[in-house]
Amino acid sequence: MGGSDLRRNAQLPVDQAFAGDAEAEKVDALLDVATEHELGLDFLLTGSLDAVAATFRVHAFVVDAARDRLKRQSPRPSVLSSNHQTALA
C-alpha cells in the first residue's frame, strides 16, 4: 500500500479503509451473530474490545469495523432510561 493509499484510507471509516470484500463479510457475519446473541448489539457496541472479540471469536479490527458501521447507520439512543432520568431529576 503506497503513501497515497494510506492518506486516502485515513479519511475512510475503519470498515472501508481496511476491509476488503472478505473483511466486509466478516463484519456482516459478526453483526448477524451479535443480533442473535444473548448479549446482543449493546455488548458489541459497549463491551471491552478484547471481551467482544473473544466472545465472538473475531479479530479486534472486525469489532472496530462493526462498531463503526453501527454508529454510522443509526445514532445511539440515550443511555439513561426514563426511570433513571426521573430518579436523577
Protein backbone atom coordinates (compact mmCIF):
# COMPACT_ATOMS: atom_id res chain seq x y z
CA MET A 1 0.00 0.00 0.00
CA GLY A 2 1.55 3.28 -1.10
CA GLY A 3 1.60 6.56 0.77
CA SER A 4 -1.33 7.96 -1.21
CA ASP A 5 -3.39 4.87 -0.31
CA LEU A 6 -2.60 5.39 3.37
CA ARG A 7 -3.66 9.04 3.22
CA ARG A 8 -6.87 8.12 1.38
CA ASN A 9 -7.63 5.34 3.86
CA ALA A 10 -7.08 7.68 6.81
CA GLN A 11 -10.15 9.58 5.60
CA LEU A 12 -12.39 6.49 5.50
CA PRO A 13 -14.29 4.75 8.30
CA VAL A 14 -12.50 1.68 9.66
CA ASP A 15 -14.65 -0.85 7.83
CA GLN A 16 -14.00 0.82 4.47
CA ALA A 17 -10.34 1.71 4.96
CA PHE A 18 -9.01 -1.73 5.84
CA ALA A 19 -11.79 -4.14 4.94
CA GLY A 20 -11.84 -5.75 1.56
CA ASP A 21 -14.71 -7.97 0.45
CA ALA A 22 -13.64 -10.76 2.80
CA GLU A 23 -13.38 -8.38 5.74
CA ALA A 24 -16.75 -6.80 4.96
CA GLU A 25 -18.22 -10.30 5.02
CA LYS A 26 -16.70 -10.84 8.48
CA VAL A 27 -18.32 -7.62 9.70
CA ASP A 28 -21.66 -8.69 8.22
CA ALA A 29 -21.36 -12.09 9.91
CA LEU A 30 -20.42 -10.51 13.25
CA LEU A 31 -23.44 -8.20 13.13
CA ASP A 32 -25.71 -11.15 12.33
CA VAL A 33 -24.31 -13.24 15.18
CA ALA A 34 -24.38 -10.35 17.67
CA THR A 35 -28.02 -9.62 16.81
CA GLU A 36 -28.97 -13.17 17.78
CA HIS A 37 -26.58 -13.48 20.74
CA GLU A 38 -27.95 -13.17 24.28
CA LEU A 39 -25.61 -10.23 24.98
CA GLY A 40 -26.76 -8.51 21.79
CA LEU A 41 -25.65 -5.47 19.88
CA ASP A 42 -25.30 -3.41 23.04
CA PHE A 43 -22.44 -5.68 24.14
CA LEU A 44 -20.87 -5.38 20.69
CA LEU A 45 -21.01 -1.58 20.96
CA THR A 46 -20.08 -1.08 24.61
CA GLY A 47 -18.22 -4.17 25.80
CA SER A 48 -14.46 -4.08 26.17
CA LEU A 49 -12.79 -4.68 22.84
CA ASP A 50 -10.94 -7.81 23.95
CA ALA A 51 -14.05 -9.32 25.58
CA VAL A 52 -16.19 -8.71 22.50
CA ALA A 53 -13.52 -10.12 20.17
CA ALA A 54 -13.09 -13.21 22.37
CA THR A 55 -16.83 -13.76 22.78
CA PHE A 56 -17.50 -13.64 19.05
CA ARG A 57 -14.13 -15.19 18.08
CA VAL A 58 -13.14 -12.43 15.70
CA HIS A 59 -10.17 -10.09 15.44
CA ALA A 60 -10.42 -6.76 17.24
CA PHE A 61 -10.25 -4.98 13.87
CA VAL A 62 -13.51 -6.70 12.89
CA VAL A 63 -15.13 -5.49 16.12
CA ASP A 64 -13.92 -1.93 15.45
CA ALA A 65 -15.26 -2.05 11.90
CA ALA A 66 -18.64 -3.37 13.07
CA ARG A 67 -18.87 -0.67 15.74
CA ASP A 68 -18.00 1.98 13.19
CA ARG A 69 -20.66 0.73 10.81
CA LEU A 70 -23.34 0.61 13.51
CA LYS A 71 -22.54 4.12 14.68
CA ARG A 72 -22.80 5.46 11.13
CA GLN A 73 -26.08 3.65 10.46
CA SER A 74 -28.01 4.88 13.47
CA PRO A 75 -27.28 7.35 16.22
CA ARG A 76 -27.01 5.79 19.67
CA PRO A 77 -30.07 6.39 21.87
CA SER A 78 -29.70 7.94 25.28
CA VAL A 79 -28.03 5.58 27.74
CA LEU A 80 -30.36 6.62 30.55
CA SER A 81 -33.83 5.14 30.55
CA SER A 82 -36.80 7.26 31.56
CA ASN A 83 -36.70 5.68 35.04
CA HIS A 84 -33.09 6.75 35.54
CA GLN A 85 -33.82 10.24 34.26
CA THR A 86 -36.73 10.57 36.70
CA ALA A 87 -34.58 9.40 39.61
CA LEU A 88 -31.92 11.98 38.74
CA ALA A 89 -34.37 14.86 38.47
